[in-house]
C-alpha atoms as a PDB file:
ATOM      1  CA  MET A   1      44.374 -53.162 -23.023  1.00  0.00           C
ATOM      2  CA  GLY A   2      47.120 -55.181 -24.287  1.00  0.00           C
ATOM      3  CA  ARG A   3      49.512 -52.269 -24.371  1.00  0.00           C
ATOM      4  CA  LEU A   4      48.156 -51.231 -20.954  1.00  0.00           C
ATOM      5  CA  ALA A   5      48.820 -54.878 -19.654  1.00  0.00           C
ATOM      6  CA  ALA A   6      52.042 -54.877 -21.324  1.00  0.00           C
ATOM      7  CA  GLU A   7      53.000 -51.722 -19.440  1.00  0.00           C
ATOM      8  CA  PHE A   8      52.169 -52.891 -15.705  1.00  0.00           C
ATOM      9  CA  HIS A   9      54.146 -55.825 -16.706  1.00  0.00           C
ATOM     10  CA  SER A  10      57.224 -53.881 -17.426  1.00  0.00           C
ATOM     11  CA  LEU A  11      56.937 -52.381 -14.149  1.00  0.00           C
ATOM     12  CA  GLY A  12      57.155 -55.695 -12.705  1.00  0.00           C
ATOM     13  CA  TYR A  13      53.332 -56.227 -11.646  1.00  0.00           C
ATOM     14  CA  LYS A  14      52.297 -59.826 -11.888  1.00  0.00           C
ATOM     15  CA  VAL A  15      49.148 -59.085 -14.438  1.00  0.00           C
ATOM     16  CA  ALA A  16      45.964 -60.753 -15.403  1.00  0.00           C
ATOM     17  CA  VAL A  17      43.472 -59.800 -18.144  1.00  0.00           C
ATOM     18  CA  ILE A  18      39.868 -60.849 -17.824  1.00  0.00           C
ATOM     19  CA  ALA A  19      38.214 -59.947 -20.856  1.00  0.00           C
ATOM     20  CA  VAL A  20      34.218 -60.246 -21.200  1.00  0.00           C
ATOM     21  CA  ASP A  21      32.877 -60.331 -24.551  1.00  0.00           C
ATOM     22  CA  PRO A  22      29.010 -59.932 -25.468  1.00  0.00           C
ATOM     23  CA  SER A  23      27.175 -63.141 -25.975  1.00  0.00           C
ATOM     24  CA  SER A  24      24.480 -64.263 -28.458  1.00  0.00           C
ATOM     25  CA  PRO A  25      20.894 -63.475 -26.847  1.00  0.00           C
ATOM     26  CA  ILE A  26      19.810 -66.676 -29.167  1.00  0.00           C
ATOM     27  CA  THR A  27      22.574 -69.381 -28.767  1.00  0.00           C
ATOM     28  CA  GLY A  28      24.806 -67.981 -25.677  1.00  0.00           C
ATOM     29  CA  GLY A  29      27.763 -68.063 -27.682  1.00  0.00           C
ATOM     30  CA  ALA A  30      30.610 -65.620 -28.056  1.00  0.00           C
ATOM     31  CA  LEU A  31      33.352 -64.462 -30.544  1.00  0.00           C
ATOM     32  CA  LEU A  32      36.170 -64.053 -27.941  1.00  0.00           C
ATOM     33  CA  GLY A  33      37.562 -61.489 -29.969  1.00  0.00           C
ATOM     34  CA  ASP A  34      39.250 -59.466 -26.928  1.00  0.00           C
ATOM     35  CA  ARG A  35      41.853 -62.462 -26.784  1.00  0.00           C
ATOM     36  CA  VAL A  36      42.693 -62.501 -30.205  1.00  0.00           C
ATOM     37  CA  ARG A  37      43.417 -58.759 -29.903  1.00  0.00           C
ATOM     38  CA  MET A  38      46.176 -59.688 -27.478  1.00  0.00           C
ATOM     39  CA  MET A  39      48.000 -62.594 -28.916  1.00  0.00           C
ATOM     40  CA  THR A  40      51.275 -60.409 -29.037  1.00  0.00           C
ATOM     41  CA  ILE A  41      51.454 -59.726 -25.095  1.00  0.00           C
ATOM     42  CA  SER A  42      53.908 -61.253 -23.033  1.00  0.00           C
ATOM     43  CA  ASP A  43      53.055 -65.025 -22.087  1.00  0.00           C
ATOM     44  CA  GLU A  44      53.737 -64.084 -18.131  1.00  0.00           C
ATOM     45  CA  ILE A  45      50.637 -62.040 -18.351  1.00  0.00           C
ATOM     46  CA  TYR A  46      47.804 -64.260 -17.731  1.00  0.00           C
ATOM     47  CA  VAL A  47      44.579 -63.479 -20.212  1.00  0.00           C
ATOM     48  CA  ARG A  48      41.055 -65.099 -19.875  1.00  0.00           C
ATOM     49  CA  SER A  49      38.256 -64.592 -22.020  1.00  0.00           C
ATOM     50  CA  MET A  50      34.599 -64.668 -20.890  1.00  0.00           C
ATOM     51  CA  ALA A  51      31.465 -64.456 -22.609  1.00  0.00           C
ATOM     52  CA  SER A  52      28.904 -62.049 -20.866  1.00  0.00           C
ATOM     53  CA  ARG A  53      26.131 -64.864 -20.834  1.00  0.00           C
ATOM     54  CA  GLY A  54      23.477 -62.009 -20.820  1.00  0.00           C
ATOM     55  CA  ALA A  55      24.543 -60.915 -17.386  1.00  0.00           C
ATOM     56  CA  GLU A  56      23.521 -57.427 -16.916  1.00  0.00           C
ATOM     57  CA  GLY A  57      25.852 -54.482 -16.550  1.00  0.00           C
ATOM     58  CA  GLY A  58      28.956 -55.429 -18.445  1.00  0.00           C
ATOM     59  CA  ILE A  59      29.902 -58.532 -15.949  1.00  0.00           C
ATOM     60  CA  THR A  60      29.418 -62.095 -15.894  1.00  0.00           C
ATOM     61  CA  ARG A  61      28.147 -63.934 -12.768  1.00  0.00           C
ATOM     62  CA  SER A  62      31.476 -65.568 -12.516  1.00  0.00           C
ATOM     63  CA  LEU A  63      33.458 -62.559 -12.910  1.00  0.00           C
ATOM     64  CA  ARG A  64      33.964 -62.138  -9.280  1.00  0.00           C
ATOM     65  CA  ASN A  65      35.087 -65.517  -8.101  1.00  0.00           C
ATOM     66  CA  VAL A  66      37.762 -65.488 -11.264  1.00  0.00           C
ATOM     67  CA  VAL A  67      39.156 -62.428  -9.687  1.00  0.00           C
ATOM     68  CA  ARG A  68      39.203 -63.647  -6.391  1.00  0.00           C
ATOM     69  CA  ILE A  69      41.204 -66.912  -7.492  1.00  0.00           C
ATOM     70  CA  LEU A  70      43.597 -64.741  -9.437  1.00  0.00           C
ATOM     71  CA  ASP A  71      44.106 -62.571  -6.215  1.00  0.00           C
ATOM     72  CA  ALA A  72      44.861 -65.674  -4.140  1.00  0.00           C
ATOM     73  CA  ALA A  73      47.106 -66.974  -6.958  1.00  0.00           C
ATOM     74  CA  GLY A  74      49.044 -63.982  -6.464  1.00  0.00           C
ATOM     75  CA  TYR A  75      48.350 -61.439  -9.254  1.00  0.00           C
ATOM     76  CA  ASN A  76      48.756 -57.889  -7.880  1.00  0.00           C
ATOM     77  CA  LEU A  77      47.126 -56.466 -10.839  1.00  0.00           C
ATOM     78  CA  ILE A  78      44.009 -57.775 -12.178  1.00  0.00           C
ATOM     79  CA  LEU A  79      42.621 -55.745 -15.662  1.00  0.00           C
ATOM     80  CA  VAL A  80      38.791 -56.498 -16.303  1.00  0.00           C
ATOM     81  CA  GLU A  81      37.301 -55.294 -19.654  1.00  0.00           C
ATOM     82  CA  SER A  82      33.969 -55.506 -19.934  1.00  0.00           C
ATOM     83  CA  VAL A  83      31.572 -55.751 -22.779  1.00  0.00           C
ATOM     84  CA  GLY A  84      31.090 -52.048 -23.322  1.00  0.00           C
ATOM     85  CA  ALA A  85      27.248 -52.259 -23.030  1.00  0.00           C
ATOM     86  CA  GLY A  86      26.728 -48.446 -22.797  1.00  0.00           C
ATOM     87  CA  GLN A  87      24.646 -47.846 -19.770  1.00  0.00           C
ATOM     88  CA  LEU A  88      24.206 -51.071 -18.438  1.00  0.00           C
ATOM     89  CA  GLU A  89      28.149 -50.626 -17.928  1.00  0.00           C
ATOM     90  CA  ILE A  90      27.697 -48.847 -14.542  1.00  0.00           C
ATOM     91  CA  GLU A  91      27.377 -52.185 -12.770  1.00  0.00           C
ATOM     92  CA  ILE A  92      31.187 -52.880 -13.351  1.00  0.00           C
ATOM     93  CA  SER A  93      32.273 -49.874 -10.956  1.00  0.00           C
ATOM     94  CA  LYS A  94      30.773 -52.224  -8.061  1.00  0.00           C
ATOM     95  CA  ALA A  95      33.386 -55.124  -8.460  1.00  0.00           C
ATOM     96  CA  VAL A  96      36.346 -53.138  -9.044  1.00  0.00           C
ATOM     97  CA  ASN A  97      38.841 -50.961  -7.003  1.00  0.00           C
ATOM     98  CA  ILE A  98      39.145 -48.425 -10.122  1.00  0.00           C
ATOM     99  CA  THR A  99      37.113 -47.935 -12.990  1.00  0.00           C
ATOM    100  CA  VAL A 100      38.329 -46.529 -16.245  1.00  0.00           C
ATOM    101  CA  VAL A 101      35.624 -45.495 -18.793  1.00  0.00           C
ATOM    102  CA  ILE A 102      36.927 -45.570 -22.381  1.00  0.00           C
ATOM    103  CA  PHE A 103      35.236 -43.695 -25.391  1.00  0.00           C
ATOM    104  CA  ASN A 104      36.470 -43.951 -28.848  1.00  0.00           C
ATOM    105  CA  PRO A 105      35.914 -41.257 -31.546  1.00  0.00           C
ATOM    106  CA  GLN A 106      33.549 -41.895 -34.656  1.00  0.00           C
ATOM    107  CA  THR A 107      31.380 -44.283 -32.886  1.00  0.00           C
ATOM    108  CA  GLY A 108      28.862 -42.126 -31.120  1.00  0.00           C
ATOM    109  CA  ASP A 109      30.618 -42.128 -28.152  1.00  0.00           C
ATOM    110  CA  SER A 110      30.247 -38.250 -27.783  1.00  0.00           C
ATOM    111  CA  ILE A 111      26.380 -38.867 -27.606  1.00  0.00           C
ATOM    112  CA  GLN A 112      26.929 -41.604 -25.176  1.00  0.00           C
ATOM    113  CA  ALA A 113      29.077 -39.467 -23.039  1.00  0.00           C
ATOM    114  CA  ILE A 114      26.160 -37.314 -22.394  1.00  0.00           C
ATOM    115  CA  LYS A 115      24.185 -40.077 -20.957  1.00  0.00           C
ATOM    116  CA  ALA A 116      23.950 -39.972 -16.947  1.00  0.00           C
ATOM    117  CA  GLY A 117      26.122 -43.033 -15.518  1.00  0.00           C
ATOM    118  CA  LEU A 118      28.802 -43.207 -17.491  1.00  0.00           C
ATOM    119  CA  THR A 119      30.088 -40.077 -16.609  1.00  0.00           C
ATOM    120  CA  GLU A 120      29.586 -40.287 -12.989  1.00  0.00           C
ATOM    121  CA  ILE A 121      31.092 -44.010 -12.403  1.00  0.00           C
ATOM    122  CA  GLY A 122      34.485 -43.473 -13.740  1.00  0.00           C
ATOM    123  CA  ASP A 123      37.599 -42.755 -11.744  1.00  0.00           C
ATOM    124  CA  ILE A 124      39.294 -41.777 -14.884  1.00  0.00           C
ATOM    125  CA  TYR A 125      38.153 -41.392 -18.397  1.00  0.00           C
ATOM    126  CA  VAL A 126      40.239 -42.001 -21.688  1.00  0.00           C
ATOM    127  CA  VAL A 127      39.867 -41.163 -25.100  1.00  0.00           C
ATOM    128  CA  ASN A 128      41.310 -43.983 -27.068  1.00  0.00           C
ATOM    129  CA  LYS A 129      42.374 -43.928 -30.850  1.00  0.00           C
ATOM    130  CA  SER A 130      43.379 -40.645 -30.112  1.00  0.00           C
ATOM    131  CA  ASP A 131      45.101 -40.319 -33.601  1.00  0.00           C
ATOM    132  CA  LEU A 132      41.332 -40.766 -35.302  1.00  0.00           C
ATOM    133  CA  GLU A 133      39.523 -37.488 -36.496  1.00  0.00           C
ATOM    134  CA  GLY A 134      37.099 -36.041 -34.126  1.00  0.00           C
ATOM    135  CA  ALA A 135      39.326 -37.354 -30.592  1.00  0.00           C
ATOM    136  CA  THR A 136      39.868 -33.807 -29.674  1.00  0.00           C
ATOM    137  CA  ILE A 137      36.399 -32.745 -30.020  1.00  0.00           C
ATOM    138  CA  LEU A 138      35.183 -35.910 -27.666  1.00  0.00           C
ATOM    139  CA  TYR A 139      37.850 -35.360 -25.307  1.00  0.00           C
ATOM    140  CA  ASN A 140      36.667 -31.903 -24.918  1.00  0.00           C
ATOM    141  CA  ILE A 141      33.243 -33.041 -24.338  1.00  0.00           C
ATOM    142  CA  ILE A 142      34.195 -35.141 -21.683  1.00  0.00           C
ATOM    143  CA  PHE A 143      36.519 -32.989 -20.063  1.00  0.00           C
ATOM    144  CA  ASP A 144      33.661 -30.449 -19.920  1.00  0.00           C
ATOM    145  CA  LEU A 145      31.459 -32.884 -18.538  1.00  0.00           C
ATOM    146  CA  VAL A 146      33.472 -34.440 -15.572  1.00  0.00           C
ATOM    147  CA  GLY A 147      36.706 -32.117 -15.535  1.00  0.00           C
ATOM    148  CA  ASN A 148      35.100 -29.952 -13.033  1.00  0.00           C
ATOM    149  CA  ASN A 149      34.748 -32.698 -10.753  1.00  0.00           C
ATOM    150  CA  LYS A 150      38.483 -33.094 -10.597  1.00  0.00           C
ATOM    151  CA  LYS A 151      38.042 -36.335 -12.539  1.00  0.00           C
ATOM    152  CA  LEU A 152      41.356 -37.424 -14.541  1.00  0.00           C
ATOM    153  CA  VAL A 153      40.856 -37.535 -18.707  1.00  0.00           C
ATOM    154  CA  PHE A 154      43.148 -38.762 -21.070  1.00  0.00           C
ATOM    155  CA  LYS A 155      43.915 -39.312 -24.653  1.00  0.00           C
ATOM    156  CA  CYS A 156      45.769 -42.287 -25.910  1.00  0.00           C
ATOM    157  CA  SER A 157      46.196 -44.385 -29.076  1.00  0.00           C
ATOM    158  CA  ALA A 158      47.677 -48.083 -28.632  1.00  0.00           C
ATOM    159  CA  LYS A 159      48.502 -47.585 -32.309  1.00  0.00           C
ATOM    160  CA  MET A 160      50.717 -44.859 -32.271  1.00  0.00           C
ATOM    161  CA  LYS A 161      51.597 -45.798 -28.538  1.00  0.00           C
ATOM    162  CA  LYS A 162      50.612 -42.309 -27.337  1.00  0.00           C
ATOM    163  CA  GLY A 163      49.367 -41.916 -23.561  1.00  0.00           C
ATOM    164  CA  ILE A 164      49.667 -45.257 -22.423  1.00  0.00           C
ATOM    165  CA  LYS A 165      52.658 -44.466 -20.060  1.00  0.00           C
ATOM    166  CA  GLU A 166      50.960 -41.533 -18.707  1.00  0.00           C
ATOM    167  CA  LEU A 167      47.871 -43.786 -18.114  1.00  0.00           C
ATOM    168  CA  THR A 168      49.731 -46.173 -16.469  1.00  0.00           C
ATOM    169  CA  LYS A 169      51.705 -43.998 -14.337  1.00  0.00           C
ATOM    170  CA  CYS A 170      48.185 -42.413 -13.185  1.00  0.00           C
ATOM    171  CA  LEU A 171      46.774 -45.811 -12.295  1.00  0.00           C
ATOM    172  CA  VAL A 172      49.867 -46.719 -10.066  1.00  0.00           C
ATOM    173  CA  ASN A 173      49.511 -43.584  -8.010  1.00  0.00           C
ATOM    174  CA  LEU A 174      45.674 -44.418  -7.485  1.00  0.00           C
ATOM    175  CA  LEU A 175      46.328 -47.880  -6.525  1.00  0.00           C
ATOM    176  CA  ASP A 176      48.917 -46.827  -3.974  1.00  0.00           C
ATOM    177  CA  ASP A 177      45.951 -44.077  -2.809  1.00  0.00           C
ATOM    178  CA  LYS A 178      44.407 -45.783   0.358  1.00  0.00           C
ATOM    179  CA  LYS A 179      40.955 -44.282  -0.995  1.00  0.00           C
ATOM    180  CA  TYR A 180      40.980 -46.746  -3.034  1.00  0.00           C
ATOM    181  CA  GLN A 181      42.459 -49.369  -1.351  1.00  0.00           C
ATOM    182  CA  ALA A 182      39.402 -48.912   0.909  1.00  0.00           C
ATOM    183  CA  ARG A 183      36.797 -50.103  -1.677  1.00  0.00           C
ATOM    184  CA  ASP A 184      37.760 -53.573  -0.908  1.00  0.00           C
ATOM    185  CA  LYS A 185      35.070 -53.787   1.940  1.00  0.00           C
ATOM    186  CA  LEU A 186      32.310 -51.995  -0.413  1.00  0.00           C
ATOM    187  CA  ILE A 187      33.087 -54.365  -3.104  1.00  0.00           C
ATOM    188  CA  LEU A 188      32.798 -57.182  -0.842  1.00  0.00           C
ATOM    189  CA  GLU A 189      29.467 -55.880   0.277  1.00  0.00           C
ATOM    190  CA  ASN A 190      28.022 -55.352  -3.012  1.00  0.00           C
ATOM    191  CA  GLU A 191      29.223 -59.096  -4.012  1.00  0.00           C
ATOM    192  CA  LEU A 192      27.266 -60.483  -1.116  1.00  0.00           C
ATOM    193  CA  ARG A 193      24.460 -58.528  -1.416  1.00  0.00           C
ATOM    194  CA  ASP A 194      24.360 -59.495  -5.284  1.00  0.00           C
ATOM    195  CA  MET A 195      24.491 -63.037  -4.663  1.00  0.00           C
ATOM    196  CA  ILE A 196      21.814 -62.681  -2.227  1.00  0.00           C
ATOM    197  CA  LEU A 197      19.463 -60.831  -4.123  1.00  0.00           C
ATOM    198  CA  ASN A 198      20.069 -63.090  -7.346  1.00  0.00           C
ATOM    199  CA  LEU A 199      19.479 -66.442  -5.463  1.00  0.00           C
ATOM    200  CA  ILE A 200      16.526 -65.206  -3.903  1.00  0.00           C
ATOM    201  CA  LYS A 201      15.239 -64.280  -7.701  1.00  0.00           C
ATOM    202  CA  GLU A 202      16.306 -67.648  -9.171  1.00  0.00           C
ATOM    203  CA  LYS A 203      14.737 -69.792  -6.244  1.00  0.00           C
ATOM    204  CA  SER A 204      11.766 -67.718  -6.209  1.00  0.00           C
ATOM    205  CA  ILE A 205      11.250 -67.881 -10.130  1.00  0.00           C
ATOM    206  CA  GLU A 206      11.783 -71.512  -9.999  1.00  0.00           C
ATOM    207  CA  LYS A 207       9.402 -72.388  -7.226  1.00  0.00           C
ATOM    208  CA  ILE A 208       6.653 -70.223  -9.309  1.00  0.00           C
ATOM    209  CA  MET A 209       6.988 -71.717 -12.030  1.00  0.00           C
ATOM    210  CA  ASN A 210       6.580 -75.135 -10.877  1.00  0.00           C
ATOM    211  CA  SER A 211       3.439 -74.070  -8.658  1.00  0.00           C
ATOM    212  CA  GLN A 212       0.025 -75.519  -9.549  1.00  0.00           C
ATOM    213  CA  GLU A 213      -1.548 -72.365  -9.280  1.00  0.00           C
ATOM    214  CA  TYR A 214       0.993 -70.547 -12.347  1.00  0.00           C
ATOM    215  CA  LYS A 215       0.307 -73.548 -14.529  1.00  0.00           C
ATOM    216  CA  LYS A 216      -3.513 -73.106 -13.917  1.00  0.00           C
ATOM    217  CA  LEU A 217      -3.150 -69.297 -14.194  1.00  0.00           C
ATOM    218  CA  VAL A 218      -1.320 -69.676 -17.872  1.00  0.00           C
ATOM    219  CA  ILE A 219      -4.090 -71.727 -18.931  1.00  0.00           C
ATOM    220  CA  LYS A 220      -6.482 -69.411 -17.855  1.00  0.00           C
ATOM    221  CA  ILE A 221      -4.619 -66.709 -19.999  1.00  0.00           C
ATOM    222  CA  LEU A 222      -4.510 -68.770 -22.719  1.00  0.00           C
ATOM    223  CA  LYS A 223      -8.391 -69.426 -22.867  1.00  0.00           C
ATOM    224  CA  LYS A 224      -8.427 -65.707 -22.606  1.00  0.00           C
ATOM    225  CA  GLU A 225     -10.666 -66.273 -19.004  1.00  0.00           C
ATOM    226  CA  VAL A 226      -8.171 -63.386 -17.750  1.00  0.00           C
ATOM    227  CA  GLU A 227      -6.188 -60.419 -18.684  1.00  0.00           C
ATOM    228  CA  PRO A 228      -2.655 -61.181 -18.375  1.00  0.00           C
ATOM    229  CA  TYR A 229      -1.652 -58.026 -16.700  1.00  0.00           C
ATOM    230  CA  ASN A 230      -3.816 -58.003 -13.988  1.00  0.00           C
ATOM    231  CA  ALA A 231      -3.934 -61.969 -13.679  1.00  0.00           C
ATOM    232  CA  ALA A 232      -0.012 -61.161 -13.027  1.00  0.00           C
ATOM    233  CA  LEU A 233      -0.397 -58.484 -10.952  1.00  0.00           C
ATOM    234  CA  ASN A 234      -3.065 -60.479  -8.526  1.00  0.00           C
ATOM    235  CA  PHE A 235      -0.729 -63.402  -8.735  1.00  0.00           C
ATOM    236  CA  ALA A 236       2.146 -60.957  -7.562  1.00  0.00           C
ATOM    237  CA  ASN A 237       0.121 -59.450  -4.755  1.00  0.00           C
ATOM    238  CA  LYS A 238      -0.706 -63.060  -3.388  1.00  0.00           C
ATOM    239  CA  ILE A 239       2.980 -63.997  -3.243  1.00  0.00           C
ATOM    240  CA  ILE A 240       4.152 -60.675  -1.457  1.00  0.00           C
ATOM    241  CA  VAL A 241       1.718 -60.989   0.990  1.00  0.00           C
END
């Protein structure tokens, strides 16, 4: 990510990087190691680390708000690095104009590549650390999976500084493509839908948990007067009706 951000900066883009790190399911804390890996890039590149806070799909609830603020602040190239959460990662494609799926050799990614979702959401596929053993095999696997769909597949090595310029050039071309620019409307629709559904979910759960009927049901289950699954099913049916 650091090499890519630096390359865009050298082309005159005002670059911002949002690096999302996974949170602990127990404490909610995050190492924010992505930021540490980018300490050497230009001070003119804005870098913001964010904890996932348990958000599904590799994106945080506040990610879209941060992107909107950075866009309003004049950043014309915003790079989002998500948590790398396997198949849950597919949600990230709903929040960005261009999705780049990155695989690393020697990490089991050849198996992950076969799973539905990751090989469907990307506009570009990258085998990173191409200087490592197994990179060519992984590249061939991914190319066989997505190459027939005219998707773009690259091999890059940040360490060896190979493939970064070619990847950047490809991304610049896609950014100028009206098809990808038109995704702004779809992104907004997805954002609004997700916000509405999340608010409905949160408010509904809060209302249910505070209801007397729910509290009575918990006591009945503790006393083993009712079976949990059927009790939950009957409770849900009453709410839906």
